[in-house]
Amino acid sequence: MDRMKRKEEEFLYRGHILNTLSNTIYTAHRHIQTAKELWTTLQEKYRIEEVSNQKFLISNFISF
């Protein structure tokens, strides 16, 4: 019973995450099987982008 409930919840969570993505990001990440893996992958990707954006802004400020 618990296993079926967990499987259903996993399917729903993964579906909700994938539904919020744009088409290009969706096609790149649709092969990831679990919601946790998907969430972690997206979090790492956008955390790296955020850090690089901050570095860019700081370097421009220092150059100014």
PDB file of N, CA and C in Angstrom:
ATOM      1  N   MET A   1       0.830  -1.197   0.000  1.00  0.00           N
ATOM      2  CA  MET A   1       0.000   0.000   0.000  1.00  0.00           C
ATOM      3  C   MET A   1       0.872   1.259   0.000  1.00  0.00           C
ATOM      4  N   ASP A   2       1.852   1.290   0.919  1.00  0.00           N
ATOM      5  CA  ASP A   2       2.741   2.450   0.985  1.00  0.00           C
ATOM      6  C   ASP A   2       3.576   2.588  -0.282  1.00  0.00           C
ATOM      7  N   ARG A   3       3.996   1.465  -0.833  1.00  0.00           N
ATOM      8  CA  ARG A   3       4.812   1.492  -2.043  1.00  0.00           C
ATOM      9  C   ARG A   3       4.023   2.074  -3.213  1.00  0.00           C
ATOM     10  N   MET A   4       2.766   1.715  -3.342  1.00  0.00           N
ATOM     11  CA  MET A   4       1.937   2.254  -4.424  1.00  0.00           C
ATOM     12  C   MET A   4       1.712   3.748  -4.258  1.00  0.00           C
ATOM     13  N   LYS A   5       1.484   4.162  -3.007  1.00  0.00           N
ATOM     14  CA  LYS A   5       1.276   5.580  -2.733  1.00  0.00           C
ATOM     15  C   LYS A   5       2.536   6.374  -3.065  1.00  0.00           C
ATOM     16  N   ARG A   6       3.695   5.851  -2.677  1.00  0.00           N
ATOM     17  CA  ARG A   6       4.958   6.529  -2.951  1.00  0.00           C
ATOM     18  C   ARG A   6       5.218   6.614  -4.453  1.00  0.00           C
ATOM     19  N   LYS A   7       4.915   5.558  -5.169  1.00  0.00           N
ATOM     20  CA  LYS A   7       5.106   5.539  -6.623  1.00  0.00           C
ATOM     21  C   LYS A   7       4.200   6.561  -7.304  1.00  0.00           C
ATOM     22  N   GLU A   8       2.961   6.646  -6.836  1.00  0.00           N
ATOM     23  CA  GLU A   8       2.021   7.618  -7.392  1.00  0.00           C
ATOM     24  C   GLU A   8       2.473   9.050  -7.100  1.00  0.00           C
ATOM     25  N   GLU A   9       2.933   9.297  -5.869  1.00  0.00           N
ATOM     26  CA  GLU A   9       3.414  10.623  -5.515  1.00  0.00           C
ATOM     27  C   GLU A   9       4.652  10.995  -6.322  1.00  0.00           C
ATOM     28  N   GLU A  10       5.545  10.053  -6.518  1.00  0.00           N
ATOM     29  CA  GLU A  10       6.746  10.289  -7.329  1.00  0.00           C
ATOM     30  C   GLU A  10       6.357  10.696  -8.744  1.00  0.00           C
ATOM     31  N   PHE A  11       5.395   9.994  -9.318  1.00  0.00           N
ATOM     32  CA  PHE A  11       4.909  10.308 -10.659  1.00  0.00           C
ATOM     33  C   PHE A  11       4.320  11.723 -10.704  1.00  0.00           C
ATOM     34  N   LEU A  12       3.535  12.080  -9.709  1.00  0.00           N
ATOM     35  CA  LEU A  12       2.916  13.403  -9.679  1.00  0.00           C
ATOM     36  C   LEU A  12       3.951  14.506  -9.500  1.00  0.00           C
ATOM     37  N   TYR A  13       4.891  14.335  -8.576  1.00  0.00           N
ATOM     38  CA  TYR A  13       5.914  15.354  -8.317  1.00  0.00           C
ATOM     39  C   TYR A  13       6.783  15.576  -9.548  1.00  0.00           C
ATOM     40  N   ARG A  14       7.204  14.477 -10.169  1.00  0.00           N
ATOM     41  CA  ARG A  14       8.029  14.586 -11.367  1.00  0.00           C
ATOM     42  C   ARG A  14       7.246  15.287 -12.477  1.00  0.00           C
ATOM     43  N   GLY A  15       5.981  14.950 -12.620  1.00  0.00           N
ATOM     44  CA  GLY A  15       5.140  15.580 -13.626  1.00  0.00           C
ATOM     45  C   GLY A  15       4.955  17.066 -13.388  1.00  0.00           C
ATOM     46  N   HIS A  16       4.766  17.452 -12.139  1.00  0.00           N
ATOM     47  CA  HIS A  16       4.611  18.877 -11.819  1.00  0.00           C
ATOM     48  C   HIS A  16       5.881  19.650 -12.141  1.00  0.00           C
ATOM     49  N   ILE A  17       7.023  19.084 -11.809  1.00  0.00           N
ATOM     50  CA  ILE A  17       8.286  19.759 -12.105  1.00  0.00           C
ATOM     51  C   ILE A  17       8.469  19.896 -13.609  1.00  0.00           C
ATOM     52  N   LEU A  18       8.254  18.806 -14.342  1.00  0.00           N
ATOM     53  CA  LEU A  18       8.436  18.848 -15.796  1.00  0.00           C
ATOM     54  C   LEU A  18       7.448  19.794 -16.477  1.00  0.00           C
ATOM     55  N   ASN A  19       6.237  19.907 -15.950  1.00  0.00           N
ATOM     56  CA  ASN A  19       5.246  20.801 -16.553  1.00  0.00           C
ATOM     57  C   ASN A  19       5.615  22.268 -16.442  1.00  0.00           C
ATOM     58  N   THR A  20       6.426  22.617 -15.481  1.00  0.00           N
ATOM     59  CA  THR A  20       6.795  24.022 -15.304  1.00  0.00           C
ATOM     60  C   THR A  20       7.977  24.433 -16.166  1.00  0.00           C
ATOM     61  N   LEU A  21       8.639  23.478 -16.801  1.00  0.00           N
ATOM     62  CA  LEU A  21       9.837  23.781 -17.582  1.00  0.00           C
ATOM     63  C   LEU A  21       9.478  24.211 -18.998  1.00  0.00           C
ATOM     64  N   SER A  22      10.353  25.025 -19.594  1.00  0.00           N
ATOM     65  CA  SER A  22      10.164  25.380 -20.999  1.00  0.00           C
ATOM     66  C   SER A  22      10.485  24.162 -21.863  1.00  0.00           C
ATOM     67  N   ASN A  23      10.139  24.229 -23.134  1.00  0.00           N
ATOM     68  CA  ASN A  23      10.312  23.079 -24.026  1.00  0.00           C
ATOM     69  C   ASN A  23      11.756  22.618 -24.134  1.00  0.00           C
ATOM     70  N   THR A  24      12.690  23.555 -24.263  1.00  0.00           N
ATOM     71  CA  THR A  24      14.092  23.158 -24.427  1.00  0.00           C
ATOM     72  C   THR A  24      14.644  22.510 -23.168  1.00  0.00           C
ATOM     73  N   ILE A  25      14.283  23.040 -22.025  1.00  0.00           N
ATOM     74  CA  ILE A  25      14.760  22.461 -20.762  1.00  0.00           C
ATOM     75  C   ILE A  25      14.055  21.136 -20.517  1.00  0.00           C
ATOM     76  N   TYR A  26      12.796  21.048 -20.881  1.00  0.00           N
ATOM     77  CA  TYR A  26      12.043  19.800 -20.729  1.00  0.00           C
ATOM     78  C   TYR A  26      12.695  18.666 -21.518  1.00  0.00           C
ATOM     79  N   THR A  27      13.012  18.920 -22.784  1.00  0.00           N
ATOM     80  CA  THR A  27      13.587  17.862 -23.611  1.00  0.00           C
ATOM     81  C   THR A  27      14.963  17.444 -23.107  1.00  0.00           C
ATOM     82  N   ALA A  28      15.677  18.346 -22.494  1.00  0.00           N
ATOM     83  CA  ALA A  28      17.000  18.016 -21.979  1.00  0.00           C
ATOM     84  C   ALA A  28      16.930  17.196 -20.695  1.00  0.00           C
ATOM     85  N   HIS A  29      15.856  17.339 -19.928  1.00  0.00           N
ATOM     86  CA  HIS A  29      15.781  16.710 -18.611  1.00  0.00           C
ATOM     87  C   HIS A  29      14.678  15.663 -18.466  1.00  0.00           C
ATOM     88  N   ARG A  30      13.946  15.371 -19.512  1.00  0.00           N
ATOM     89  CA  ARG A  30      12.825  14.436 -19.382  1.00  0.00           C
ATOM     90  C   ARG A  30      13.261  13.000 -19.122  1.00  0.00           C
ATOM     91  N   HIS A  31      14.506  12.666 -19.411  1.00  0.00           N
ATOM     92  CA  HIS A  31      14.988  11.303 -19.210  1.00  0.00           C
ATOM     93  C   HIS A  31      15.303  10.988 -17.753  1.00  0.00           C
ATOM     94  N   ILE A  32      15.374  11.984 -16.898  1.00  0.00           N
ATOM     95  CA  ILE A  32      15.661  11.768 -15.477  1.00  0.00           C
ATOM     96  C   ILE A  32      14.442  11.112 -14.835  1.00  0.00           C
ATOM     97  N   GLN A  33      14.666  10.017 -14.126  1.00  0.00           N
ATOM     98  CA  GLN A  33      13.570   9.156 -13.680  1.00  0.00           C
ATOM     99  C   GLN A  33      12.883   9.605 -12.397  1.00  0.00           C
ATOM    100  N   THR A  34      13.616  10.121 -11.415  1.00  0.00           N
ATOM    101  CA  THR A  34      12.978  10.452 -10.147  1.00  0.00           C
ATOM    102  C   THR A  34      12.865  11.959  -9.976  1.00  0.00           C
ATOM    103  N   ALA A  35      11.885  12.370  -9.197  1.00  0.00           N
ATOM    104  CA  ALA A  35      11.668  13.789  -8.940  1.00  0.00           C
ATOM    105  C   ALA A  35      12.851  14.386  -8.177  1.00  0.00           C
ATOM    106  N   LYS A  36      13.413  13.624  -7.250  1.00  0.00           N
ATOM    107  CA  LYS A  36      14.544  14.132  -6.469  1.00  0.00           C
ATOM    108  C   LYS A  36      15.755  14.374  -7.362  1.00  0.00           C
ATOM    109  N   GLU A  37      16.067  13.439  -8.252  1.00  0.00           N
ATOM    110  CA  GLU A  37      17.180  13.620  -9.189  1.00  0.00           C
ATOM    111  C   GLU A  37      16.935  14.828 -10.081  1.00  0.00           C
ATOM    112  N   LEU A  38      15.727  14.953 -10.576  1.00  0.00           N
ATOM    113  CA  LEU A  38      15.364  16.058 -11.454  1.00  0.00           C
ATOM    114  C   LEU A  38      15.521  17.383 -10.730  1.00  0.00           C
ATOM    115  N   TRP A  39      15.001  17.464  -9.532  1.00  0.00           N
ATOM    116  CA  TRP A  39      15.075  18.689  -8.744  1.00  0.00           C
ATOM    117  C   TRP A  39      16.531  19.060  -8.447  1.00  0.00           C
ATOM    118  N   THR A  40      17.337  18.080  -8.065  1.00  0.00           N
ATOM    119  CA  THR A  40      18.744  18.326  -7.745  1.00  0.00           C
ATOM    120  C   THR A  40      19.501  18.803  -8.978  1.00  0.00           C
ATOM    121  N   THR A  41      19.258  18.175 -10.118  1.00  0.00           N
ATOM    122  CA  THR A  41      19.922  18.563 -11.355  1.00  0.00           C
ATOM    123  C   THR A  41      19.583  19.996 -11.736  1.00  0.00           C
ATOM    124  N   LEU A  42      18.327  20.342 -11.691  1.00  0.00           N
ATOM    125  CA  LEU A  42      17.916  21.706 -12.037  1.00  0.00           C
ATOM    126  C   LEU A  42      18.461  22.723 -11.041  1.00  0.00           C
ATOM    127  N   GLN A  43      18.462  22.368  -9.777  1.00  0.00           N
ATOM    128  CA  GLN A  43      18.973  23.259  -8.741  1.00  0.00           C
ATOM    129  C   GLN A  43      20.462  23.538  -8.953  1.00  0.00           C
ATOM    130  N   GLU A  44      21.226  22.506  -9.242  1.00  0.00           N
ATOM    131  CA  GLU A  44      22.660  22.686  -9.478  1.00  0.00           C
ATOM    132  C   GLU A  44      22.912  23.527 -10.718  1.00  0.00           C
ATOM    133  N   LYS A  45      22.156  23.286 -11.777  1.00  0.00           N
ATOM    134  CA  LYS A  45      22.336  24.027 -13.026  1.00  0.00           C
ATOM    135  C   LYS A  45      22.092  25.520 -12.812  1.00  0.00           C
ATOM    136  N   TYR A  46      21.000  25.860 -12.170  1.00  0.00           N
ATOM    137  CA  TYR A  46      20.664  27.266 -12.018  1.00  0.00           C
ATOM    138  C   TYR A  46      21.440  27.937 -10.894  1.00  0.00           C
ATOM    139  N   ARG A  47      21.931  27.183  -9.947  1.00  0.00           N
ATOM    140  CA  ARG A  47      22.799  27.759  -8.925  1.00  0.00           C
ATOM    141  C   ARG A  47      24.108  28.199  -9.567  1.00  0.00           C
ATOM    142  N   ILE A  48      24.646  27.393 -10.483  1.00  0.00           N
ATOM    143  CA  ILE A  48      25.879  27.743 -11.183  1.00  0.00           C
ATOM    144  C   ILE A  48      25.662  28.989 -12.037  1.00  0.00           C
ATOM    145  N   GLU A  49      24.547  29.072 -12.749  1.00  0.00           N
ATOM    146  CA  GLU A  49      24.247  30.252 -13.556  1.00  0.00           C
ATOM    147  C   GLU A  49      24.123  31.496 -12.682  1.00  0.00           C
ATOM    148  N   GLU A  50      23.493  31.363 -11.532  1.00  0.00           N
ATOM    149  CA  GLU A  50      23.316  32.497 -10.634  1.00  0.00           C
ATOM    150  C   GLU A  50      24.661  33.002 -10.133  1.00  0.00           C
ATOM    151  N   VAL A  51      25.547  32.095  -9.778  1.00  0.00           N
ATOM    152  CA  VAL A  51      26.871  32.478  -9.292  1.00  0.00           C
ATOM    153  C   VAL A  51      27.658  33.176 -10.388  1.00  0.00           C
ATOM    154  N   SER A  52      27.592  32.671 -11.613  1.00  0.00           N
ATOM    155  CA  SER A  52      28.332  33.308 -12.705  1.00  0.00           C
ATOM    156  C   SER A  52      27.762  34.691 -13.009  1.00  0.00           C
ATOM    157  N   ASN A  53      26.460  34.864 -12.889  1.00  0.00           N
ATOM    158  CA  ASN A  53      25.856  36.187 -13.083  1.00  0.00           C
ATOM    159  C   ASN A  53      26.325  37.157 -12.003  1.00  0.00           C
ATOM    160  N   GLN A  54      26.408  36.691 -10.773  1.00  0.00           N
ATOM    161  CA  GLN A  54      26.879  37.538  -9.683  1.00  0.00           C
ATOM    162  C   GLN A  54      28.330  37.938  -9.896  1.00  0.00           C
ATOM    163  N   LYS A  55      29.163  37.003 -10.339  1.00  0.00           N
ATOM    164  CA  LYS A  55      30.569  37.315 -10.610  1.00  0.00           C
ATOM    165  C   LYS A  55      30.681  38.355 -11.717  1.00  0.00           C
ATOM    166  N   PHE A  56      29.864  38.219 -12.749  1.00  0.00           N
ATOM    167  CA  PHE A  56      29.863  39.175 -13.850  1.00  0.00           C
ATOM    168  C   PHE A  56      29.489  40.570 -13.351  1.00  0.00           C
ATOM    169  N   LEU A  57      28.451  40.669 -12.554  1.00  0.00           N
ATOM    170  CA  LEU A  57      28.019  41.959 -12.028  1.00  0.00           C
ATOM    171  C   LEU A  57      29.079  42.582 -11.121  1.00  0.00           C
ATOM    172  N   ILE A  58      29.679  41.759 -10.286  1.00  0.00           N
ATOM    173  CA  ILE A  58      30.710  42.265  -9.369  1.00  0.00           C
ATOM    174  C   ILE A  58      31.923  42.750 -10.162  1.00  0.00           C
ATOM    175  N   SER A  59      32.348  42.009 -11.172  1.00  0.00           N
ATOM    176  CA  SER A  59      33.498  42.449 -11.973  1.00  0.00           C
ATOM    177  C   SER A  59      33.190  43.734 -12.710  1.00  0.00           C
ATOM    178  N   ASN A  60      31.971  43.889 -13.207  1.00  0.00           N
ATOM    179  CA  ASN A  60      31.598  45.153 -13.854  1.00  0.00           C
ATOM    180  C   ASN A  60      31.583  46.302 -12.861  1.00  0.00           C
ATOM    181  N   PHE A  61      31.106  46.049 -11.662  1.00  0.00           N
ATOM    182  CA  PHE A  61      31.083  47.090 -10.639  1.00  0.00           C
ATOM    183  C   PHE A  61      32.493  47.505 -10.269  1.00  0.00           C
ATOM    184  N   ILE A  62      33.383  46.539 -10.105  1.00  0.00           N
ATOM    185  CA  ILE A  62      34.759  46.843  -9.749  1.00  0.00           C
ATOM    186  C   ILE A  62      35.440  47.604 -10.888  1.00  0.00           C
ATOM    187  N   SER A  63      35.161  47.230 -12.133  1.00  0.00           N
ATOM    188  CA  SER A  63      35.730  47.939 -13.280  1.00  0.00           C
ATOM    189  C   SER A  63      35.220  49.368 -13.351  1.00  0.00           C
ATOM    190  N   PHE A  64      33.996  49.588 -12.927  1.00  0.00           N
ATOM    191  CA  PHE A  64      33.416  50.915 -12.944  1.00  0.00           C
ATOM    192  C   PHE A  64      34.125  51.789 -11.947  1.00  0.00           C
TER     193      PHE A  64
END
